[in-house]
Protein backbone atom coordinates (compact mmCIF):
# COMPACT_ATOMS: atom_id res chain seq x y z
CA MET A 1 -0.02 0.12 -0.17
CA GLY A 2 2.46 2.55 0.79
CA PHE A 3 4.27 1.87 -2.26
CA LEU A 4 0.74 2.86 -4.22
CA LEU A 5 0.92 5.68 -2.47
CA LYS A 6 4.21 6.80 -3.49
CA ARG A 7 3.69 5.81 -6.74
CA ALA A 8 0.21 8.25 -6.94
CA PHE A 9 1.66 11.61 -4.41
CA PHE A 10 5.29 11.23 -3.78
CA THR A 11 7.22 11.56 -7.19
CA PRO A 12 7.46 14.05 -9.69
CA LEU A 13 5.32 12.78 -11.77
CA SER A 14 2.27 13.49 -9.10
CA LYS A 15 1.87 16.69 -10.05
CA ILE A 16 0.69 15.96 -13.58
CA PRO A 17 -3.36 15.95 -13.98
CA GLY A 18 -4.51 12.31 -15.21
CA PRO A 19 -7.04 9.60 -13.61
CA PHE A 20 -6.01 8.20 -10.50
CA LEU A 21 -5.63 4.51 -10.99
CA ASN A 22 -3.03 5.76 -13.73
CA SER A 23 -1.16 7.00 -11.29
CA VAL A 24 -0.32 3.66 -9.63
CA SER A 25 -0.64 1.26 -12.65
CA ASN A 26 -0.08 0.91 -16.32
CA LEU A 27 -3.14 -1.50 -16.67
CA PRO A 28 -5.39 1.02 -18.77
CA LEU A 29 -2.26 2.12 -20.61
CA CYS A 30 -1.80 -2.11 -21.40
CA TYR A 31 -5.08 -2.63 -21.94
CA TYR A 32 -6.46 0.23 -24.63
CA THR A 33 -2.80 -0.18 -26.52
CA VAL A 34 -3.60 -4.16 -27.10
CA CYS A 35 -6.98 -3.21 -27.90
CA GLY A 36 -5.92 -0.67 -30.19
CA ASN A 37 -7.91 2.18 -29.19
CA TYR A 38 -4.44 3.58 -27.65
CA HIS A 39 -5.14 6.53 -29.63
CA THR A 40 -8.96 7.32 -28.59
CA TYR A 41 -7.36 6.41 -24.95
CA THR A 42 -5.06 9.44 -25.01
CA ILE A 43 -7.46 11.77 -27.06
CA SER A 44 -9.93 11.52 -24.47
CA LEU A 45 -7.62 12.22 -21.86
CA HIS A 46 -6.10 15.48 -23.24
CA ALA A 47 -9.39 16.80 -24.13
CA LYS A 48 -10.23 16.40 -20.17
CA TYR A 49 -7.03 17.13 -18.49
CA GLY A 50 -5.00 19.50 -20.83
CA SER A 51 -1.90 19.28 -23.13
CA ILE A 52 0.22 16.89 -20.50
CA VAL A 53 -1.35 13.51 -18.95
CA ARG A 54 0.17 11.21 -16.44
CA ILE A 55 -1.25 7.60 -18.40
CA GLY A 56 0.72 5.33 -16.39
CA TYR A 57 2.46 5.08 -12.85
CA ASN A 58 6.19 5.93 -14.91
CA GLN A 59 4.34 7.17 -18.00
CA ILE A 60 2.79 10.58 -19.27
CA SER A 61 1.22 11.89 -22.86
CA LEU A 62 2.53 14.66 -24.21
CA ALA A 63 0.13 16.54 -26.83
CA ASN A 64 1.68 20.57 -26.66
CA GLY A 65 2.77 21.18 -30.04
CA SER A 66 5.95 23.05 -29.05
CA GLU A 67 7.46 20.35 -26.63
CA LEU A 68 6.77 17.32 -29.05
CA ARG A 69 9.02 19.60 -31.74
CA ARG A 70 11.48 19.62 -28.88
CA VAL A 71 11.26 16.32 -27.56
CA LEU A 72 11.75 14.57 -30.95
CA ALA A 73 14.74 17.39 -32.38
CA THR A 74 16.50 16.84 -29.34
CA HIS A 75 18.36 14.28 -27.43
CA PHE A 76 15.21 12.33 -25.66
CA PRO A 77 16.20 8.67 -27.43
CA LYS A 78 13.77 6.12 -28.56
CA GLY A 79 11.92 4.23 -25.51
CA LYS A 80 12.74 0.63 -24.24
CA VAL A 81 9.65 0.20 -26.16
CA TYR A 82 11.14 -0.49 -29.36
CA GLU A 83 14.09 -3.14 -28.11
CA THR A 84 11.02 -5.55 -27.55
CA ASN A 85 10.75 -7.22 -31.01
CA VAL A 86 8.50 -9.63 -33.00
CA LEU A 87 10.60 -9.71 -36.07
CA PRO A 88 13.86 -11.42 -36.49
CA GLU A 89 15.77 -8.87 -35.79
CA GLN A 90 15.93 -4.93 -35.27
CA THR A 91 15.45 -2.56 -38.70
CA THR A 92 16.60 1.02 -39.45
CA PHE A 93 13.17 2.31 -37.90
CA THR A 94 12.97 0.24 -34.62
CA THR A 95 17.04 0.12 -33.09
CA THR A 96 17.89 1.78 -30.38
CA ASN A 97 21.37 1.27 -31.73
CA PRO A 98 22.92 4.43 -33.08
CA GLU A 99 25.44 2.95 -34.57
CA LEU A 100 23.53 -0.19 -36.13
CA ASN A 101 20.87 2.82 -37.48
CA LYS A 102 24.30 4.44 -39.13
CA THR A 103 25.17 1.42 -40.60
CA ARG A 104 21.70 0.74 -42.03
CA ARG A 105 20.97 4.49 -43.11
CA ARG A 106 24.54 3.59 -45.56
CA GLN A 107 23.34 0.14 -46.47
CA MET A 108 20.49 1.82 -47.56
CA GLY A 109 20.51 5.32 -47.98
CA ASN A 110 18.91 5.58 -51.62
CA THR A 111 15.95 3.32 -51.03
CA TYR A 112 14.00 5.95 -49.74
CA SER A 113 15.20 9.19 -51.64
CA MET A 114 12.50 10.79 -53.49
CA ASP A 115 14.97 10.28 -56.60
CA ASN A 116 13.42 6.41 -55.92
CA MET A 117 9.96 6.89 -55.20
CA ARG A 118 9.68 9.10 -58.16
CA THR A 119 10.98 5.83 -60.83
CA MET A 120 7.58 4.70 -59.00
CA GLU A 121 5.32 7.27 -59.99
CA ASP A 122 3.49 5.76 -62.56
CA THR A 123 3.21 2.48 -60.94
CA ILE A 124 1.53 3.98 -58.13
CA LEU A 125 -1.08 5.82 -59.72
CA GLU A 126 -1.82 2.73 -61.87
CA TYR A 127 -2.30 0.54 -58.85
CA GLY A 128 -3.05 2.65 -56.05
CA VAL A 129 -5.40 6.13 -56.98
CA LEU A 130 -6.93 4.66 -60.81
CA THR A 131 -7.47 1.28 -59.47
CA LEU A 132 -9.15 3.20 -56.60
CA ILE A 133 -11.04 5.29 -58.98
CA GLY A 134 -12.47 2.54 -60.55
CA CYS A 135 -13.99 0.86 -57.66
CA TRP A 136 -15.59 3.54 -56.58
CA ASP A 137 -16.81 4.45 -59.80
CA ALA A 138 -18.24 0.53 -59.88
CA GLU A 139 -19.85 0.81 -56.82
CA ILE A 140 -21.49 4.34 -57.40
CA GLU A 141 -22.90 2.48 -60.56
CA LYS A 142 -24.71 0.01 -58.01
CA GLY A 143 -26.03 2.36 -56.15
CA ALA A 144 -23.90 1.00 -53.92
CA ALA A 145 -22.41 3.61 -50.68
CA VAL A 146 -18.33 4.07 -50.74
CA ASN A 147 -16.35 3.46 -47.42
CA CYS A 148 -14.13 5.92 -47.70
CA PHE A 149 -12.20 4.15 -45.16
CA CYS A 150 -12.07 1.00 -46.30
CA GLY A 151 -11.16 2.14 -49.77
CA PHE A 152 -8.24 4.04 -48.42
CA SER A 153 -6.94 1.50 -46.72
CA GLY A 154 -6.89 -1.07 -49.50
CA LEU A 155 -5.21 1.84 -51.83
CA ALA A 156 -2.63 2.15 -49.14
CA PHE A 157 -2.07 -1.44 -48.64
CA ASP A 158 -1.96 -2.25 -52.86
CA ILE A 159 0.62 0.99 -53.10
CA ILE A 160 2.92 -0.72 -50.02
CA GLY A 161 2.79 -3.61 -52.07
CA VAL A 162 3.92 -2.16 -55.53
CA LEU A 163 6.68 -0.44 -53.71
CA ILE A 164 8.09 -3.41 -51.53
CA TYR A 165 7.37 -6.04 -53.58
CA GLY A 166 6.83 -4.65 -57.31
CA LYS A 167 3.18 -6.01 -57.48
CA SER A 168 -0.17 -5.35 -56.32
CA PHE A 169 -1.64 -7.34 -52.80
CA ASP A 170 -4.93 -6.39 -55.08
CA VAL A 171 -7.02 -5.59 -51.65
CA LEU A 172 -9.05 -2.95 -54.17
CA ARG A 173 -9.24 -4.88 -57.17
CA LEU A 174 -9.98 -8.55 -55.43
CA ASN A 175 -11.45 -7.42 -52.42
CA ASN A 176 -7.99 -9.91 -51.25
CA MET A 177 -8.22 -8.56 -47.18
CA THR A 178 -5.37 -11.72 -46.61
CA ILE A 179 -2.34 -9.38 -46.00
CA ILE A 180 -4.53 -6.59 -44.32
CA ASP A 181 -5.49 -9.54 -41.51
CA ASN A 182 -2.37 -10.99 -41.21
CA ILE A 183 -0.59 -7.22 -40.31
CA HIS A 184 -3.28 -6.39 -37.98
CA LYS A 185 -2.40 -10.03 -36.30
CA LEU A 186 1.09 -9.01 -36.26
CA MET A 187 0.79 -5.46 -34.51
CA VAL A 188 -1.68 -6.74 -32.33
CA LEU A 189 0.93 -9.53 -31.28
CA SER A 190 3.50 -6.95 -30.80
CA SER A 191 1.62 -4.97 -28.89
CA ILE A 192 1.26 -7.82 -26.21
CA VAL A 193 5.03 -8.31 -26.70
CA THR A 194 5.38 -4.55 -25.91
CA ILE A 195 3.14 -4.38 -22.54
CA LEU A 196 4.57 -8.30 -21.64
CA PRO A 197 8.25 -8.95 -23.01
CA VAL A 198 8.63 -11.82 -20.78
CA LEU A 199 6.05 -12.84 -23.70
CA GLY A 200 8.07 -12.98 -26.36
CA ARG A 201 9.22 -16.10 -26.02
CA PHE A 202 6.06 -17.55 -25.61
CA THR A 203 4.56 -16.57 -28.79
CA TRP A 204 3.15 -20.13 -29.82
CA LEU A 205 0.74 -19.24 -26.83
CA PHE A 206 -1.13 -17.12 -29.60
CA LYS A 207 -1.77 -19.11 -32.37
CA ASP A 208 -3.25 -17.45 -35.08
CA LEU A 209 -1.20 -14.63 -33.93
CA SER A 210 1.99 -16.68 -34.35
CA ALA A 211 0.42 -18.12 -37.76
CA ALA A 212 -0.29 -14.64 -39.32
CA ARG A 213 3.58 -13.75 -38.45
CA TYR A 214 4.40 -16.80 -39.92
CA GLN A 215 2.76 -16.32 -43.26
CA LEU A 216 4.28 -12.46 -43.38
CA LEU A 217 7.64 -13.49 -42.58
CA ASN A 218 7.88 -16.65 -45.40
CA MET A 219 6.30 -14.48 -47.71
CA ALA A 220 9.12 -11.99 -47.37
CA HIS A 221 11.15 -14.98 -47.74
CA MET A 222 10.04 -16.32 -50.68
CA ALA A 223 10.28 -13.27 -52.38
CA ILE A 224 13.96 -12.75 -51.44
CA MET A 225 14.70 -16.01 -52.72
CA GLN A 226 12.94 -15.63 -56.33
CA ARG A 227 14.57 -12.24 -56.61
CA LYS A 228 18.13 -14.00 -56.11
CA ASP A 229 17.42 -16.67 -58.43
CA ASN A 230 15.96 -14.25 -61.06
CA MET A 231 19.02 -12.33 -61.11
CA CYS A 232 21.20 -15.65 -61.29
CA GLU A 233 19.24 -16.32 -64.71
CA LYS A 234 20.37 -12.77 -66.48
CA ALA A 235 18.93 -13.80 -69.30
CA VAL A 236 14.99 -13.39 -68.47
CA PHE A 237 15.98 -11.12 -65.27
CA SER A 238 15.28 -7.58 -65.99
CA PRO A 239 15.82 -4.65 -63.20
CA HIS A 240 13.35 -3.24 -61.00
CA ALA A 241 13.14 -0.16 -58.93
CA ASP A 242 11.18 -1.25 -56.08
CA ILE A 243 12.16 -1.56 -52.73
CA LEU A 244 13.21 -5.36 -52.19
CA GLN A 245 15.80 -5.41 -54.93
CA LYS A 246 17.05 -2.06 -53.43
CA LEU A 247 17.46 -4.23 -50.29
CA VAL A 248 19.16 -6.83 -52.12
CA ASP A 249 21.52 -4.58 -53.70
CA ALA A 250 22.16 -3.17 -50.74
CA ARG A 251 26.25 -2.70 -49.92
CA SER A 252 27.93 -0.73 -46.98
CA PRO A 253 29.64 1.88 -48.40
CA GLY A 254 33.03 0.60 -46.17
CA ASP A 255 33.43 -2.78 -46.85
CA GLY A 256 30.80 -3.60 -49.64
CA GLN A 257 28.94 -5.73 -46.28
CA THR A 258 25.30 -6.99 -47.92
CA LEU A 259 22.26 -7.48 -45.81
CA SER A 260 21.47 -10.52 -43.97
CA TYR A 261 17.97 -13.02 -44.97
CA ASN A 262 17.02 -11.96 -41.69
CA THR A 263 17.69 -8.24 -41.97
CA MET A 264 16.06 -7.79 -45.27
CA ILE A 265 12.72 -9.57 -43.72
CA ALA A 266 12.91 -7.63 -40.77
CA GLU A 267 12.67 -4.49 -42.57
CA ILE A 268 10.55 -5.47 -45.06
CA ASN A 269 7.50 -6.54 -42.46
CA MET A 270 8.14 -3.38 -40.60
CA LEU A 271 7.85 -1.68 -43.85
CA LEU A 272 4.00 -3.47 -44.15
CA ALA A 273 3.26 -2.87 -40.69
CA ALA A 274 4.27 1.00 -40.18
CA ALA A 275 3.41 1.97 -43.65
CA THR A 276 0.36 0.75 -44.42
CA ASP A 277 -1.00 1.82 -40.98
CA THR A 278 0.06 5.59 -41.14
CA THR A 279 -0.94 5.91 -44.82
CA SER A 280 -4.15 4.61 -44.54
CA ASN A 281 -4.12 6.77 -41.20
CA ALA A 282 -3.06 9.71 -42.81
CA LEU A 283 -5.73 9.80 -45.91
CA SER A 284 -8.95 8.70 -43.62
CA CYS A 285 -7.98 10.67 -40.37
CA PRO A 286 -5.42 13.76 -39.92
CA ALA A 287 -3.27 12.44 -37.28
CA ALA A 288 -0.67 10.18 -36.69
CA SER A 289 -2.47 7.42 -34.20
CA GLY A 290 0.67 5.21 -33.16
CA LEU A 291 2.65 4.96 -29.96
CA PHE A 292 5.67 7.20 -30.39
CA LEU A 293 7.35 6.16 -26.96
CA ARG A 294 10.57 8.50 -25.64
CA SER A 295 13.12 8.21 -23.14
CA VAL A 296 13.94 11.02 -20.87
CA PRO A 297 17.66 12.12 -20.96
CA THR A 298 19.77 11.10 -17.96
CA GLU A 299 19.49 14.78 -17.19
CA GLY A 300 15.92 14.99 -16.58
CA ALA A 301 14.01 17.52 -18.25
CA ILE A 302 11.06 20.27 -17.86
CA LEU A 303 8.15 19.99 -19.71
CA CYS A 304 5.64 22.74 -20.25
CA GLY A 305 7.79 25.00 -18.34
CA GLN A 306 6.65 23.56 -14.94
CA TYR A 307 6.41 19.98 -14.80
CA GLN A 308 9.87 18.09 -13.81
CA ILE A 309 10.13 14.87 -15.70
CA LEU A 310 12.85 12.10 -13.97
CA SER A 311 14.92 10.35 -16.51
CA THR A 312 13.17 6.73 -15.21
CA ALA A 313 10.16 8.43 -16.51
CA GLU A 314 8.81 7.42 -20.56
CA ILE A 315 6.88 10.32 -22.64
CA CYS A 316 4.61 8.50 -25.41
CA LEU A 317 3.88 11.63 -28.25
CA SER A 318 0.38 11.72 -28.60
CA LEU A 319 0.17 13.26 -32.30
CA ALA A 320 -3.58 12.32 -32.55
CA ALA A 321 -4.42 14.66 -29.45
CA SER A 322 -1.70 17.48 -30.58
CA HIS A 323 -3.86 17.51 -33.90
CA ARG A 324 -7.16 17.84 -32.05
CA ASP A 325 -5.57 21.07 -30.19
CA PRO A 326 -8.80 23.23 -29.78
CA THR A 327 -5.87 26.78 -29.40
CA VAL A 328 -4.89 25.90 -32.87
CA TRP A 329 -7.74 23.53 -34.71
CA PRO A 330 -11.64 25.58 -33.34
CA ASN A 331 -13.02 22.05 -34.74
CA PRO A 332 -10.46 19.41 -34.89
CA ASN A 333 -13.44 16.85 -35.79
CA VAL A 334 -15.21 18.63 -38.73
CA PHE A 335 -13.78 18.31 -42.15
CA ASP A 336 -13.05 22.14 -43.19
CA PRO A 337 -10.48 22.04 -46.02
CA GLU A 338 -10.60 25.83 -46.14
């Protein structure tokens, strides 16, 4: 009891507003994260308590625009949550190791360049925008309602499929939902392991989620094998501009080191999960909704000019809540393109 009272009333975070239960336990945060409702949960908390909210005994959620920029632009490293992973290896986007990040960026630097993306522009239009317009026109001709969210989600997956593998997943054209279901299950499994890292050794307990993970990893493995086989048959192979080809061709500038199979598989699946989620959300809802966790520097930090945050705390960046700041957006939930 004394331990809980200390958490609630006798730490620097005690001055930060929020529900009492959050000051003594992470259970609400865990529950809403695993259920996939983290963003709606934090939006409601920020609407009630303001731009900084205590969401766990050692976690705060931040939605103040200027403070978000400061945290992202200065020495607030990625949180420990990034170290838990359901992929074979850490990726360019998840690693907390600066040296590994530098190595990956040297190996894959031009993969995400604008010049490389421009080479895919016609393909993106063909399999994304034009396909979506065609599908919506067909629905309208039948007198059916158009589901914008599902349309944008399908568009995101088909475009990402083309960018990564050089071919569409045909979510829009054939209503093939397999890849969407598998990515969703992978993200649920990742949330579970993030909240309870010990379960990372026992993912087999979640048979359906683990099966989806296996299918995604195997799809990437088979695509890499097929691409390398095609490259060996130079008479029939034509160069690709997709990300898979960039990963296969990637070399370290210094020693010419290539990426391992596990590295490529991890990078591909991280891109699938992260890119499809953020793209579909951005198209259908004007805010990023993921969990962006940052650690506090060893010297601590002062946020919003008054709250002392110790290095043992973690900061969750609620971009979704910041995009609904009433001081910036008078009617944040109203579609107003003007």
